[in-house]
Amino acid sequence: MATRRILIVTIGAAAALLGACGAKEDLKPAANQPAPTIPVGATRAPTTQELTTPDAQAKPARSDELLKRSEKREPDDFDLPPPG
């Protein structure tokens, strides 16, 4: 029982230490490495902010619009009853 507590405390401490080891400053290119290539059709290389900001397709907007009138649902071929 005591070894189990020691193991749990050790794992918890390791998780806390690993969670705190993230970098807190901006990323910089590695020394003596070529710069990233410019995408085809682009006139300049994208900035770090542009590369790390998700586009609308990766992070779609939420629609909270309420139904104004009831509408009949269209048939869905994949709306199957549960098996069994």
PDB file of N, CA and C in Angstrom:
ATOM      1  N   MET A   1       0.827  -1.183   0.000  1.00  0.00           N
ATOM      2  CA  MET A   1       0.000   0.000   0.000  1.00  0.00           C
ATOM      3  C   MET A   1       0.876   1.252   0.000  1.00  0.00           C
ATOM      4  N   ALA A   2       1.961   1.235   0.778  1.00  0.00           N
ATOM      5  CA  ALA A   2       2.854   2.396   0.851  1.00  0.00           C
ATOM      6  C   ALA A   2       3.588   2.591  -0.475  1.00  0.00           C
ATOM      7  N   THR A   3       3.945   1.501  -1.129  1.00  0.00           N
ATOM      8  CA  THR A   3       4.644   1.634  -2.412  1.00  0.00           C
ATOM      9  C   THR A   3       3.714   2.221  -3.477  1.00  0.00           C
ATOM     10  N   ARG A   4       2.439   1.911  -3.371  1.00  0.00           N
ATOM     11  CA  ARG A   4       1.469   2.469  -4.320  1.00  0.00           C
ATOM     12  C   ARG A   4       1.357   3.985  -4.127  1.00  0.00           C
ATOM     13  N   ARG A   5       1.332   4.446  -2.894  1.00  0.00           N
ATOM     14  CA  ARG A   5       1.278   5.889  -2.623  1.00  0.00           C
ATOM     15  C   ARG A   5       2.527   6.586  -3.131  1.00  0.00           C
ATOM     16  N   ILE A   6       3.671   5.979  -2.902  1.00  0.00           N
ATOM     17  CA  ILE A   6       4.928   6.563  -3.375  1.00  0.00           C
ATOM     18  C   ILE A   6       4.913   6.649  -4.897  1.00  0.00           C
ATOM     19  N   LEU A   7       4.430   5.612  -5.549  1.00  0.00           N
ATOM     20  CA  LEU A   7       4.354   5.597  -7.007  1.00  0.00           C
ATOM     21  C   LEU A   7       3.416   6.691  -7.514  1.00  0.00           C
ATOM     22  N   ILE A   8       2.271   6.851  -6.891  1.00  0.00           N
ATOM     23  CA  ILE A   8       1.307   7.878  -7.299  1.00  0.00           C
ATOM     24  C   ILE A   8       1.887   9.273  -7.088  1.00  0.00           C
ATOM     25  N   VAL A   9       2.545   9.503  -5.964  1.00  0.00           N
ATOM     26  CA  VAL A   9       3.154  10.806  -5.687  1.00  0.00           C
ATOM     27  C   VAL A   9       4.274  11.081  -6.690  1.00  0.00           C
ATOM     28  N   THR A  10       5.068  10.076  -7.014  1.00  0.00           N
ATOM     29  CA  THR A  10       6.165  10.243  -7.970  1.00  0.00           C
ATOM     30  C   THR A  10       5.626  10.579  -9.357  1.00  0.00           C
ATOM     31  N   ILE A  11       4.607   9.870  -9.785  1.00  0.00           N
ATOM     32  CA  ILE A  11       4.014  10.136 -11.098  1.00  0.00           C
ATOM     33  C   ILE A  11       3.393  11.535 -11.125  1.00  0.00           C
ATOM     34  N   GLY A  12       2.716  11.921 -10.062  1.00  0.00           N
ATOM     35  CA  GLY A  12       2.123  13.256  -9.990  1.00  0.00           C
ATOM     36  C   GLY A  12       3.180  14.345 -10.039  1.00  0.00           C
ATOM     37  N   ALA A  13       4.291  14.154  -9.322  1.00  0.00           N
ATOM     38  CA  ALA A  13       5.368  15.143  -9.330  1.00  0.00           C
ATOM     39  C   ALA A  13       6.009  15.225 -10.713  1.00  0.00           C
ATOM     40  N   ALA A  14       6.211  14.091 -11.357  1.00  0.00           N
ATOM     41  CA  ALA A  14       6.799  14.085 -12.703  1.00  0.00           C
ATOM     42  C   ALA A  14       5.876  14.791 -13.694  1.00  0.00           C
ATOM     43  N   ALA A  15       4.582  14.558 -13.584  1.00  0.00           N
ATOM     44  CA  ALA A  15       3.633  15.219 -14.479  1.00  0.00           C
ATOM     45  C   ALA A  15       3.645  16.730 -14.259  1.00  0.00           C
ATOM     46  N   ALA A  16       3.728  17.176 -13.023  1.00  0.00           N
ATOM     47  CA  ALA A  16       3.765  18.607 -12.729  1.00  0.00           C
ATOM     48  C   ALA A  16       5.040  19.245 -13.267  1.00  0.00           C
ATOM     49  N   LEU A  17       6.160  18.550 -13.137  1.00  0.00           N
ATOM     50  CA  LEU A  17       7.415  19.088 -13.648  1.00  0.00           C
ATOM     51  C   LEU A  17       7.419  19.142 -15.175  1.00  0.00           C
ATOM     52  N   LEU A  18       6.911  18.113 -15.822  1.00  0.00           N
ATOM     53  CA  LEU A  18       6.869  18.101 -17.277  1.00  0.00           C
ATOM     54  C   LEU A  18       5.898  19.146 -17.815  1.00  0.00           C
ATOM     55  N   GLY A  19       4.837  19.404 -17.105  1.00  0.00           N
ATOM     56  CA  GLY A  19       3.877  20.411 -17.540  1.00  0.00           C
ATOM     57  C   GLY A  19       4.424  21.819 -17.431  1.00  0.00           C
ATOM     58  N   ALA A  20       5.411  22.035 -16.605  1.00  0.00           N
ATOM     59  CA  ALA A  20       5.955  23.367 -16.395  1.00  0.00           C
ATOM     60  C   ALA A  20       7.186  23.654 -17.247  1.00  0.00           C
ATOM     61  N   CYS A  21       7.587  22.728 -18.123  1.00  0.00           N
ATOM     62  CA  CYS A  21       8.839  22.929 -18.854  1.00  0.00           C
ATOM     63  C   CYS A  21       8.626  23.514 -20.240  1.00  0.00           C
ATOM     64  N   GLY A  22       7.462  24.054 -20.552  1.00  0.00           N
ATOM     65  CA  GLY A  22       7.205  24.642 -21.867  1.00  0.00           C
ATOM     66  C   GLY A  22       7.912  25.969 -22.035  1.00  0.00           C
ATOM     67  N   ALA A  23       8.237  26.308 -23.279  1.00  0.00           N
ATOM     68  CA  ALA A  23       8.911  27.568 -23.581  1.00  0.00           C
ATOM     69  C   ALA A  23       7.935  28.733 -23.428  1.00  0.00           C
ATOM     70  N   LYS A  24       8.423  29.850 -22.950  1.00  0.00           N
ATOM     71  CA  LYS A  24       7.580  31.019 -22.714  1.00  0.00           C
ATOM     72  C   LYS A  24       7.906  32.161 -23.671  1.00  0.00           C
ATOM     73  N   GLU A  25       8.789  31.960 -24.645  1.00  0.00           N
ATOM     74  CA  GLU A  25       9.144  33.030 -25.570  1.00  0.00           C
ATOM     75  C   GLU A  25       8.871  32.590 -26.998  1.00  0.00           C
ATOM     76  N   ASP A  26       8.904  33.549 -27.929  1.00  0.00           N
ATOM     77  CA  ASP A  26       8.621  33.261 -29.328  1.00  0.00           C
ATOM     78  C   ASP A  26       9.662  32.314 -29.922  1.00  0.00           C
ATOM     79  N   LEU A  27       9.232  31.553 -30.903  1.00  0.00           N
ATOM     80  CA  LEU A  27      10.140  30.657 -31.603  1.00  0.00           C
ATOM     81  C   LEU A  27      11.017  31.464 -32.544  1.00  0.00           C
ATOM     82  N   LYS A  28      12.260  31.029 -32.673  1.00  0.00           N
ATOM     83  CA  LYS A  28      13.199  31.682 -33.572  1.00  0.00           C
ATOM     84  C   LYS A  28      13.789  30.615 -34.481  1.00  0.00           C
ATOM     85  N   PRO A  29      14.161  31.005 -35.720  1.00  0.00           N
ATOM     86  CA  PRO A  29      14.748  30.005 -36.609  1.00  0.00           C
ATOM     87  C   PRO A  29      16.077  29.500 -36.063  1.00  0.00           C
ATOM     88  N   ALA A  30      16.380  28.259 -36.358  1.00  0.00           N
ATOM     89  CA  ALA A  30      17.628  27.656 -35.890  1.00  0.00           C
ATOM     90  C   ALA A  30      18.812  28.310 -36.600  1.00  0.00           C
ATOM     91  N   ALA A  31      19.926  28.427 -35.910  1.00  0.00           N
ATOM     92  CA  ALA A  31      21.128  29.030 -36.488  1.00  0.00           C
ATOM     93  C   ALA A  31      21.693  28.110 -37.572  1.00  0.00           C
ATOM     94  N   ASN A  32      22.243  28.700 -38.613  1.00  0.00           N
ATOM     95  CA  ASN A  32      22.872  27.985 -39.733  1.00  0.00           C
ATOM     96  C   ASN A  32      21.909  27.078 -40.479  1.00  0.00           C
ATOM     97  N   GLN A  33      20.626  27.385 -40.442  1.00  0.00           N
ATOM     98  CA  GLN A  33      19.626  26.617 -41.174  1.00  0.00           C
ATOM     99  C   GLN A  33      18.993  27.525 -42.220  1.00  0.00           C
ATOM    100  N   PRO A  34      18.655  26.971 -43.401  1.00  0.00           N
ATOM    101  CA  PRO A  34      18.022  27.818 -44.417  1.00  0.00           C
ATOM    102  C   PRO A  34      16.614  28.227 -43.971  1.00  0.00           C
ATOM    103  N   ALA A  35      16.194  29.393 -44.443  1.00  0.00           N
ATOM    104  CA  ALA A  35      14.852  29.885 -44.120  1.00  0.00           C
ATOM    105  C   ALA A  35      13.819  28.998 -44.802  1.00  0.00           C
ATOM    106  N   PRO A  36      12.607  28.920 -44.260  1.00  0.00           N
ATOM    107  CA  PRO A  36      11.565  28.125 -44.908  1.00  0.00           C
ATOM    108  C   PRO A  36      11.287  28.656 -46.313  1.00  0.00           C
ATOM    109  N   THR A  37      10.921  27.763 -47.204  1.00  0.00           N
ATOM    110  CA  THR A  37      10.651  28.164 -48.572  1.00  0.00           C
ATOM    111  C   THR A  37       9.343  28.939 -48.654  1.00  0.00           C
ATOM    112  N   ILE A  38       9.249  29.798 -49.640  1.00  0.00           N
ATOM    113  CA  ILE A  38       8.034  30.587 -49.860  1.00  0.00           C
ATOM    114  C   ILE A  38       7.028  29.702 -50.591  1.00  0.00           C
ATOM    115  N   PRO A  39       5.770  29.657 -50.152  1.00  0.00           N
ATOM    116  CA  PRO A  39       4.767  28.837 -50.825  1.00  0.00           C
ATOM    117  C   PRO A  39       4.583  29.247 -52.287  1.00  0.00           C
ATOM    118  N   VAL A  40       4.175  28.299 -53.108  1.00  0.00           N
ATOM    119  CA  VAL A  40       3.961  28.557 -54.528  1.00  0.00           C
ATOM    120  C   VAL A  40       2.852  29.597 -54.688  1.00  0.00           C
ATOM    121  N   GLY A  41       3.105  30.609 -55.477  1.00  0.00           N
ATOM    122  CA  GLY A  41       2.123  31.649 -55.731  1.00  0.00           C
ATOM    123  C   GLY A  41       2.163  32.794 -54.738  1.00  0.00           C
ATOM    124  N   ALA A  42       2.939  32.678 -53.664  1.00  0.00           N
ATOM    125  CA  ALA A  42       3.019  33.749 -52.667  1.00  0.00           C
ATOM    126  C   ALA A  42       4.138  34.711 -53.049  1.00  0.00           C
ATOM    127  N   THR A  43       3.988  35.974 -52.683  1.00  0.00           N
ATOM    128  CA  THR A  43       5.014  36.969 -52.984  1.00  0.00           C
ATOM    129  C   THR A  43       6.000  37.127 -51.833  1.00  0.00           C
ATOM    130  N   ARG A  44       5.630  36.629 -50.665  1.00  0.00           N
ATOM    131  CA  ARG A  44       6.513  36.730 -49.494  1.00  0.00           C
ATOM    132  C   ARG A  44       6.283  35.516 -48.595  1.00  0.00           C
ATOM    133  N   ALA A  45       7.209  35.285 -47.698  1.00  0.00           N
ATOM    134  CA  ALA A  45       7.068  34.181 -46.746  1.00  0.00           C
ATOM    135  C   ALA A  45       6.046  34.563 -45.681  1.00  0.00           C
ATOM    136  N   PRO A  46       5.193  33.632 -45.254  1.00  0.00           N
ATOM    137  CA  PRO A  46       4.222  33.954 -44.211  1.00  0.00           C
ATOM    138  C   PRO A  46       4.910  34.206 -42.869  1.00  0.00           C
ATOM    139  N   THR A  47       4.302  35.077 -42.074  1.00  0.00           N
ATOM    140  CA  THR A  47       4.852  35.386 -40.754  1.00  0.00           C
ATOM    141  C   THR A  47       4.488  34.283 -39.768  1.00  0.00           C
ATOM    142  N   THR A  48       5.108  34.318 -38.600  1.00  0.00           N
ATOM    143  CA  THR A  48       4.812  33.329 -37.560  1.00  0.00           C
ATOM    144  C   THR A  48       3.359  33.420 -37.134  1.00  0.00           C
ATOM    145  N   GLN A  49       2.846  34.639 -37.011  1.00  0.00           N
ATOM    146  CA  GLN A  49       1.447  34.826 -36.610  1.00  0.00           C
ATOM    147  C   GLN A  49       0.495  34.224 -37.641  1.00  0.00           C
ATOM    148  N   GLU A  50       0.796  34.407 -38.923  1.00  0.00           N
ATOM    149  CA  GLU A  50      -0.046  33.850 -39.979  1.00  0.00           C
ATOM    150  C   GLU A  50      -0.007  32.323 -39.977  1.00  0.00           C
ATOM    151  N   LEU A  51       1.151  31.756 -39.684  1.00  0.00           N
ATOM    152  CA  LEU A  51       1.278  30.301 -39.682  1.00  0.00           C
ATOM    153  C   LEU A  51       0.600  29.647 -38.481  1.00  0.00           C
ATOM    154  N   THR A  52       0.525  30.356 -37.362  1.00  0.00           N
ATOM    155  CA  THR A  52      -0.034  29.753 -36.152  1.00  0.00           C
ATOM    156  C   THR A  52      -1.500  30.097 -35.919  1.00  0.00           C
ATOM    157  N   THR A  53      -2.091  30.954 -36.748  1.00  0.00           N
ATOM    158  CA  THR A  53      -3.504  31.299 -36.619  1.00  0.00           C
ATOM    159  C   THR A  53      -4.330  30.350 -37.481  1.00  0.00           C
ATOM    160  N   PRO A  54      -5.262  29.598 -36.878  1.00  0.00           N
ATOM    161  CA  PRO A  54      -6.061  28.668 -37.690  1.00  0.00           C
ATOM    162  C   PRO A  54      -7.019  29.424 -38.601  1.00  0.00           C
ATOM    163  N   ASP A  55      -7.257  28.864 -39.782  1.00  0.00           N
ATOM    164  CA  ASP A  55      -8.187  29.503 -40.701  1.00  0.00           C
ATOM    165  C   ASP A  55      -9.620  29.121 -40.329  1.00  0.00           C
ATOM    166  N   ALA A  56     -10.585  29.678 -41.041  1.00  0.00           N
ATOM    167  CA  ALA A  56     -11.998  29.456 -40.718  1.00  0.00           C
ATOM    168  C   ALA A  56     -12.391  27.995 -40.886  1.00  0.00           C
ATOM    169  N   GLN A  57     -11.756  27.284 -41.801  1.00  0.00           N
ATOM    170  CA  GLN A  57     -12.101  25.886 -42.008  1.00  0.00           C
ATOM    171  C   GLN A  57     -11.570  25.011 -40.874  1.00  0.00           C
ATOM    172  N   ALA A  58     -10.432  25.374 -40.307  1.00  0.00           N
ATOM    173  CA  ALA A  58      -9.877  24.611 -39.198  1.00  0.00           C
ATOM    174  C   ALA A  58     -10.606  24.909 -37.892  1.00  0.00           C
ATOM    175  N   LYS A  59     -11.168  26.100 -37.789  1.00  0.00           N
ATOM    176  CA  LYS A  59     -11.879  26.515 -36.572  1.00  0.00           C
ATOM    177  C   LYS A  59     -13.177  27.194 -36.997  1.00  0.00           C
ATOM    178  N   PRO A  60     -14.212  26.417 -37.316  1.00  0.00           N
ATOM    179  CA  PRO A  60     -15.446  27.016 -37.834  1.00  0.00           C
ATOM    180  C   PRO A  60     -16.169  27.845 -36.772  1.00  0.00           C
ATOM    181  N   ALA A  61     -16.903  28.832 -37.256  1.00  0.00           N
ATOM    182  CA  ALA A  61     -17.682  29.691 -36.364  1.00  0.00           C
ATOM    183  C   ALA A  61     -18.934  28.941 -35.892  1.00  0.00           C
ATOM    184  N   ARG A  62     -19.383  29.279 -34.712  1.00  0.00           N
ATOM    185  CA  ARG A  62     -20.559  28.632 -34.148  1.00  0.00           C
ATOM    186  C   ARG A  62     -21.803  29.407 -34.554  1.00  0.00           C
ATOM    187  N   SER A  63     -22.844  28.698 -34.886  1.00  0.00           N
ATOM    188  CA  SER A  63     -24.094  29.340 -35.258  1.00  0.00           C
ATOM    189  C   SER A  63     -25.119  29.098 -34.158  1.00  0.00           C
ATOM    190  N   ASP A  64     -25.550  30.178 -33.521  1.00  0.00           N
ATOM    191  CA  ASP A  64     -26.543  30.082 -32.449  1.00  0.00           C
ATOM    192  C   ASP A  64     -27.916  30.563 -32.906  1.00  0.00           C
ATOM    193  N   GLU A  65     -28.114  30.628 -34.201  1.00  0.00           N
ATOM    194  CA  GLU A  65     -29.380  31.125 -34.727  1.00  0.00           C
ATOM    195  C   GLU A  65     -30.506  30.152 -34.389  1.00  0.00           C
ATOM    196  N   LEU A  66     -31.559  30.682 -33.814  1.00  0.00           N
ATOM    197  CA  LEU A  66     -32.709  29.861 -33.469  1.00  0.00           C
ATOM    198  C   LEU A  66     -33.589  29.659 -34.695  1.00  0.00           C
ATOM    199  N   LEU A  67     -34.324  28.575 -34.697  1.00  0.00           N
ATOM    200  CA  LEU A  67     -35.238  28.329 -35.805  1.00  0.00           C
ATOM    201  C   LEU A  67     -36.373  29.348 -35.758  1.00  0.00           C
ATOM    202  N   LYS A  68     -36.672  29.928 -36.886  1.00  0.00           N
ATOM    203  CA  LYS A  68     -37.750  30.916 -36.963  1.00  0.00           C
ATOM    204  C   LYS A  68     -39.076  30.241 -37.321  1.00  0.00           C
ATOM    205  N   ARG A  69     -38.991  29.135 -38.024  1.00  0.00           N
ATOM    206  CA  ARG A  69     -40.190  28.375 -38.382  1.00  0.00           C
ATOM    207  C   ARG A  69     -39.800  26.900 -38.446  1.00  0.00           C
ATOM    208  N   SER A  70     -40.761  26.054 -38.231  1.00  0.00           N
ATOM    209  CA  SER A  70     -40.448  24.630 -38.280  1.00  0.00           C
ATOM    210  C   SER A  70     -40.344  24.190 -39.732  1.00  0.00           C
ATOM    211  N   GLU A  71     -39.354  23.368 -39.997  1.00  0.00           N
ATOM    212  CA  GLU A  71     -39.127  22.868 -41.344  1.00  0.00           C
ATOM    213  C   GLU A  71     -39.037  21.351 -41.291  1.00  0.00           C
ATOM    214  N   LYS A  72     -39.521  20.717 -42.317  1.00  0.00           N
ATOM    215  CA  LYS A  72     -39.456  19.272 -42.392  1.00  0.00           C
ATOM    216  C   LYS A  72     -38.020  18.854 -42.681  1.00  0.00           C
ATOM    217  N   ARG A  73     -37.544  17.861 -41.954  1.00  0.00           N
ATOM    218  CA  ARG A  73     -36.191  17.379 -42.160  1.00  0.00           C
ATOM    219  C   ARG A  73     -36.105  16.579 -43.445  1.00  0.00           C
ATOM    220  N   GLU A  74     -35.020  16.790 -44.159  1.00  0.00           N
ATOM    221  CA  GLU A  74     -34.795  16.010 -45.372  1.00  0.00           C
ATOM    222  C   GLU A  74     -34.347  14.614 -44.977  1.00  0.00           C
ATOM    223  N   PRO A  75     -34.656  13.597 -45.788  1.00  0.00           N
ATOM    224  CA  PRO A  75     -34.245  12.234 -45.445  1.00  0.00           C
ATOM    225  C   PRO A  75     -32.723  12.110 -45.431  1.00  0.00           C
ATOM    226  N   ASP A  76     -32.256  11.349 -44.473  1.00  0.00           N
ATOM    227  CA  ASP A  76     -30.823  11.129 -44.314  1.00  0.00           C
ATOM    228  C   ASP A  76     -30.553   9.637 -44.441  1.00  0.00           C
ATOM    229  N   ASP A  77     -29.768   9.235 -45.439  1.00  0.00           N
ATOM    230  CA  ASP A  77     -29.476   7.822 -45.651  1.00  0.00           C
ATOM    231  C   ASP A  77     -28.666   7.207 -44.522  1.00  0.00           C
ATOM    232  N   PHE A  78     -27.952   8.037 -43.772  1.00  0.00           N
ATOM    233  CA  PHE A  78     -27.102   7.521 -42.713  1.00  0.00           C
ATOM    234  C   PHE A  78     -27.764   7.572 -41.335  1.00  0.00           C
ATOM    235  N   ASP A  79     -29.000   8.030 -41.244  1.00  0.00           N
ATOM    236  CA  ASP A  79     -29.732   8.075 -39.982  1.00  0.00           C
ATOM    237  C   ASP A  79     -30.388   6.727 -39.767  1.00  0.00           C
ATOM    238  N   LEU A  80     -29.609   5.773 -39.273  1.00  0.00           N
ATOM    239  CA  LEU A  80     -30.075   4.396 -39.091  1.00  0.00           C
ATOM    240  C   LEU A  80     -30.396   4.131 -37.634  1.00  0.00           C
ATOM    241  N   PRO A  81     -31.317   3.209 -37.356  1.00  0.00           N
ATOM    242  CA  PRO A  81     -31.585   2.864 -35.971  1.00  0.00           C
ATOM    243  C   PRO A  81     -30.389   2.122 -35.389  1.00  0.00           C
ATOM    244  N   PRO A  82     -30.248   2.147 -34.056  1.00  0.00           N
ATOM    245  CA  PRO A  82     -29.139   1.436 -33.432  1.00  0.00           C
ATOM    246  C   PRO A  82     -29.245  -0.061 -33.674  1.00  0.00           C
ATOM    247  N   PRO A  83     -28.088  -0.741 -33.768  1.00  0.00           N
ATOM    248  CA  PRO A  83     -28.141  -2.194 -34.000  1.00  0.00           C
ATOM    249  C   PRO A  83     -28.694  -2.920 -32.779  1.00  0.00           C
ATOM    250  N   GLY A  84     -29.350  -4.023 -33.032  1.00  0.00           N
ATOM    251  CA  GLY A  84     -29.801  -4.847 -31.920  1.00  0.00           C
ATOM    252  C   GLY A  84     -31.239  -5.076 -31.831  1.00  0.00           C
TER     253      GLY A  84
END
